[in-house]
């Protein structure tokens, strides 16, 4: 059908663009869906190739969500978490590239809104600092790790993740008694609303780490 009225043609074109945008936006994953899928990839998928595929797909979906909300710091934190998790599974030189990308995302969030997601950017960055190799291969730095993790605990002193990662860091440093205290505090943390799989998986990690130390 040929539209002769220029105004009507503009309205139709605009409506089509808006419909396309809203349809595409509706197809992007919400933050909650990304969190749930991360827990599935990490704790429910055991075959290494399948886990890698699961995380790679999730990263693509996370990036798609960020394209529609480029200023969303929560999505940036989770993109960093997803990239870091994939690096831990994948290993090799590609892993170093992933953790560097994650570090940049977390530093950007900390600069703009350090308290987002109860200080999760500090927790995630701190965990990278003690798990990534130091110079010349990577940016690992135990002192910076402790600084970041303590900042996370200042924001969220009773959270399962900051207490777990600080306990894990202390265990790596040979500070056994302190590590046990923080891991037990993580074990007592209030469950996260709507995230039973993530909490269950983290509690299994805590139990494993305590067993190694005791």
Protein backbone atom coordinates (compact mmCIF):
# COMPACT_ATOMS: atom_id res chain seq x y z
CA UNK A 1 0.00 0.00 0.00
CA UNK A 2 1.37 3.41 -0.96
CA UNK A 3 1.03 6.05 1.78
CA UNK A 4 0.45 9.46 0.22
CA UNK A 5 0.26 11.55 3.40
CA UNK A 6 3.88 12.38 4.49
CA UNK A 7 2.83 12.83 8.13
CA UNK A 8 1.05 9.49 8.15
CA UNK A 9 4.07 7.84 6.55
CA UNK A 10 6.31 9.25 9.30
CA UNK A 11 3.94 8.02 11.99
CA UNK A 12 3.86 4.54 10.48
CA UNK A 13 7.66 4.42 10.20
CA UNK A 14 8.10 5.65 13.78
CA UNK A 15 5.60 3.11 15.03
CA UNK A 16 7.44 0.34 13.23
CA UNK A 17 10.76 1.42 14.77
CA UNK A 18 9.25 1.56 18.25
CA UNK A 19 7.67 -1.86 17.78
CA UNK A 20 11.02 -3.29 16.69
CA UNK A 21 12.83 -1.69 19.63
CA UNK A 22 10.32 -2.91 22.22
CA UNK A 23 10.25 -6.40 20.69
CA UNK A 24 14.06 -6.62 20.81
CA UNK A 25 14.19 -5.13 24.30
CA UNK A 26 11.62 -7.66 25.51
CA UNK A 27 13.90 -10.44 24.26
CA UNK A 28 16.85 -9.28 26.42
CA UNK A 29 17.43 -10.99 29.75
CA UNK A 30 16.61 -9.28 33.01
CA UNK A 31 19.21 -9.00 35.76
CA UNK A 32 17.39 -11.71 37.73
CA UNK A 33 17.40 -14.06 34.74
CA UNK A 34 21.13 -13.49 34.24
CA UNK A 35 21.79 -14.26 37.91
CA UNK A 36 19.73 -17.46 37.73
CA UNK A 37 21.41 -18.59 34.52
CA UNK A 38 24.86 -17.96 35.98
CA UNK A 39 24.01 -20.22 38.92
CA UNK A 40 22.79 -22.87 36.47
CA UNK A 41 25.98 -22.66 34.38
CA UNK A 42 28.25 -22.74 37.43
CA UNK A 43 26.52 -25.29 39.64
CA UNK A 44 24.24 -27.41 37.44
CA UNK A 45 26.39 -27.95 34.33
CA UNK A 46 29.28 -30.35 34.93
CA UNK A 47 30.69 -31.19 31.50
CA UNK A 48 33.44 -28.65 30.80
CA UNK A 49 32.51 -28.03 27.17
CA UNK A 50 28.85 -27.60 28.08
CA UNK A 51 29.77 -25.24 30.91
CA UNK A 52 31.87 -23.12 28.53
CA UNK A 53 29.04 -23.00 25.99
CA UNK A 54 26.57 -22.10 28.74
CA UNK A 55 28.72 -19.21 29.96
CA UNK A 56 29.57 -17.96 26.47
CA UNK A 57 25.87 -17.80 25.61
CA UNK A 58 25.14 -16.03 28.89
CA UNK A 59 27.85 -13.44 28.22
CA UNK A 60 26.30 -12.71 24.82
CA UNK A 61 22.88 -12.29 26.46
CA UNK A 62 24.36 -10.07 29.19
CA UNK A 63 26.03 -7.89 26.54
CA UNK A 64 22.74 -7.68 24.64
CA UNK A 65 20.99 -6.47 27.80
CA UNK A 66 23.70 -3.85 28.30
CA UNK A 67 23.21 -2.54 24.75
CA UNK A 68 19.70 -1.51 25.74
CA UNK A 69 20.79 -0.18 29.15
CA UNK A 70 24.43 0.94 28.74
CA UNK A 71 24.47 2.79 32.06
CA UNK A 72 23.21 -0.14 34.13
CA UNK A 73 25.96 -0.85 36.65
CA UNK A 74 24.29 -4.01 37.93
CA UNK A 75 24.47 -5.55 34.46
CA UNK A 76 28.13 -4.49 34.21
CA UNK A 77 28.96 -6.24 37.49
CA UNK A 78 27.30 -9.40 36.25
CA UNK A 79 29.03 -9.23 32.90
CA UNK A 80 32.31 -9.07 34.82
CA UNK A 81 31.25 -12.03 36.98
CA UNK A 82 30.28 -14.04 33.91
CA UNK A 83 33.57 -13.27 32.16
CA UNK A 84 35.54 -14.16 35.29
CA UNK A 85 33.65 -17.42 35.71
CA UNK A 86 34.32 -18.36 32.09
CA UNK A 87 38.00 -17.53 32.57
CA UNK A 88 38.13 -19.90 35.52
CA UNK A 89 36.66 -22.73 33.45
CA UNK A 90 38.41 -22.04 30.17
CA UNK A 91 41.95 -21.28 31.36
CA UNK A 92 44.82 -20.47 29.02
CA UNK A 93 45.73 -17.15 27.43
CA UNK A 94 42.09 -16.42 26.63
CA UNK A 95 41.34 -16.46 30.35
CA UNK A 96 43.74 -13.59 30.98
CA UNK A 97 41.99 -11.47 28.38
CA UNK A 98 38.63 -12.22 30.01
CA UNK A 99 39.77 -11.27 33.52
CA UNK A 100 41.30 -8.03 32.22
CA UNK A 101 37.94 -7.17 30.63
CA UNK A 102 36.20 -8.03 33.90
CA UNK A 103 38.63 -5.85 35.86
CA UNK A 104 37.92 -2.85 33.61
CA UNK A 105 34.16 -3.29 34.02
CA UNK A 106 34.43 -3.51 37.81
CA UNK A 107 36.71 -0.48 38.06
CA UNK A 108 34.22 1.48 35.98
CA UNK A 109 31.37 0.49 38.30
CA UNK A 110 33.39 1.34 41.43
CA UNK A 111 34.15 4.78 40.02
CA UNK A 112 30.48 5.48 39.34
CA UNK A 113 28.56 3.59 42.04
CA UNK A 114 30.71 1.52 44.42
CA UNK A 115 27.76 0.43 46.57
CA UNK A 116 25.78 -1.14 43.72
CA UNK A 117 24.61 -4.69 44.51
CA UNK A 118 25.87 -4.27 48.09
CA UNK A 119 29.47 -3.71 47.04
CA UNK A 120 29.65 -6.70 44.70
CA UNK A 121 32.10 -4.89 42.44
CA UNK A 122 34.61 -4.72 45.31
CA UNK A 123 34.03 -8.41 46.11
CA UNK A 124 34.52 -9.49 42.52
CA UNK A 125 37.56 -7.27 41.93
CA UNK A 126 39.14 -8.42 45.18
CA UNK A 127 38.68 -12.05 44.20
CA UNK A 128 40.37 -11.36 40.86
CA UNK A 129 43.35 -9.71 42.51
CA UNK A 130 44.21 -12.79 44.59
CA UNK A 131 43.33 -15.43 41.98
CA UNK A 132 44.94 -13.91 38.87
CA UNK A 133 48.73 -14.35 38.43
CA UNK A 134 50.90 -11.35 39.23
CA UNK A 135 53.25 -9.42 36.98
CA UNK A 136 54.43 -10.08 34.28
CA UNK A 137 51.60 -12.44 33.30
CA UNK A 138 48.71 -10.71 35.01
CA UNK A 139 47.65 -8.03 37.48
CA UNK A 140 47.38 -10.18 40.61
CA UNK A 141 48.17 -8.33 43.85
CA UNK A 142 47.46 -9.76 47.30
CA UNK A 143 47.54 -6.38 49.05
CA UNK A 144 45.01 -4.90 46.65
CA UNK A 145 42.90 -8.04 47.03
CA UNK A 146 42.65 -7.53 50.78
CA UNK A 147 41.87 -3.82 50.36
CA UNK A 148 39.02 -4.56 47.93
CA UNK A 149 37.57 -7.39 50.00
CA UNK A 150 37.62 -5.30 53.19
CA UNK A 151 35.78 -2.51 51.37
CA UNK A 152 33.17 -5.06 50.28
CA UNK A 153 32.77 -6.19 53.89
CA UNK A 154 32.35 -2.59 55.03
CA UNK A 155 29.37 -2.27 52.67
CA UNK A 156 27.95 -5.76 53.24
CA UNK A 157 29.44 -7.17 56.47
CA UNK A 158 27.08 -10.15 56.73
CA UNK A 159 26.86 -11.16 53.07
CA UNK A 160 27.72 -14.69 51.98
CA UNK A 161 29.98 -13.69 49.09
CA UNK A 162 32.24 -11.06 50.72
CA UNK A 163 32.76 -13.32 53.73
CA UNK A 164 33.41 -16.38 51.59
CA UNK A 165 35.92 -14.67 49.31
CA UNK A 166 37.73 -12.97 52.18
CA UNK A 167 37.88 -16.31 53.97
CA UNK A 168 39.21 -17.96 50.82
CA UNK A 169 41.79 -15.19 50.43
CA UNK A 170 42.93 -15.62 54.05
CA UNK A 171 43.21 -19.38 53.55
CA UNK A 172 45.45 -18.79 50.53
CA UNK A 173 47.58 -16.50 52.68
CA UNK A 174 47.98 -19.18 55.33
CA UNK A 175 45.96 -17.23 57.91
CA UNK A 176 43.97 -20.31 58.89
CA UNK A 177 42.19 -19.15 62.06
CA UNK A 178 40.99 -15.92 60.45
CA UNK A 179 39.92 -17.81 57.32
CA UNK A 180 37.80 -20.24 59.33
CA UNK A 181 36.10 -17.37 61.19
CA UNK A 182 35.05 -15.61 57.98
CA UNK A 183 34.01 -18.83 56.25
CA UNK A 184 31.80 -19.74 59.22
CA UNK A 185 30.28 -16.27 59.09
CA UNK A 186 29.55 -16.83 55.39
CA UNK A 187 27.96 -20.14 56.33
CA UNK A 188 25.54 -18.30 58.65
CA UNK A 189 24.56 -15.67 56.07
CA UNK A 190 20.88 -15.04 55.38
CA UNK A 191 19.81 -16.74 52.12
CA UNK A 192 19.53 -14.43 49.11
CA UNK A 193 15.89 -13.91 48.06
CA UNK A 194 15.04 -15.77 44.87
CA UNK A 195 18.51 -17.31 44.45
CA UNK A 196 18.37 -20.74 46.12
CA UNK A 197 20.66 -22.47 43.60
CA UNK A 198 23.40 -19.83 43.94
CA UNK A 199 23.23 -20.01 47.74
CA UNK A 200 23.27 -23.80 47.75
CA UNK A 201 26.28 -23.90 45.45
CA UNK A 202 28.15 -21.30 47.50
CA UNK A 203 27.39 -23.17 50.72
CA UNK A 204 28.89 -26.31 49.20
CA UNK A 205 32.04 -24.33 48.36
CA UNK A 206 32.20 -23.00 51.91
CA UNK A 207 31.81 -26.49 53.37
CA UNK A 208 34.56 -27.83 51.12
CA UNK A 209 36.93 -25.02 52.07
CA UNK A 210 36.24 -25.49 55.82
CA UNK A 211 36.88 -29.22 55.49
CA UNK A 212 40.26 -28.47 53.90
CA UNK A 213 41.18 -26.15 56.77
CA UNK A 214 39.96 -28.19 59.73
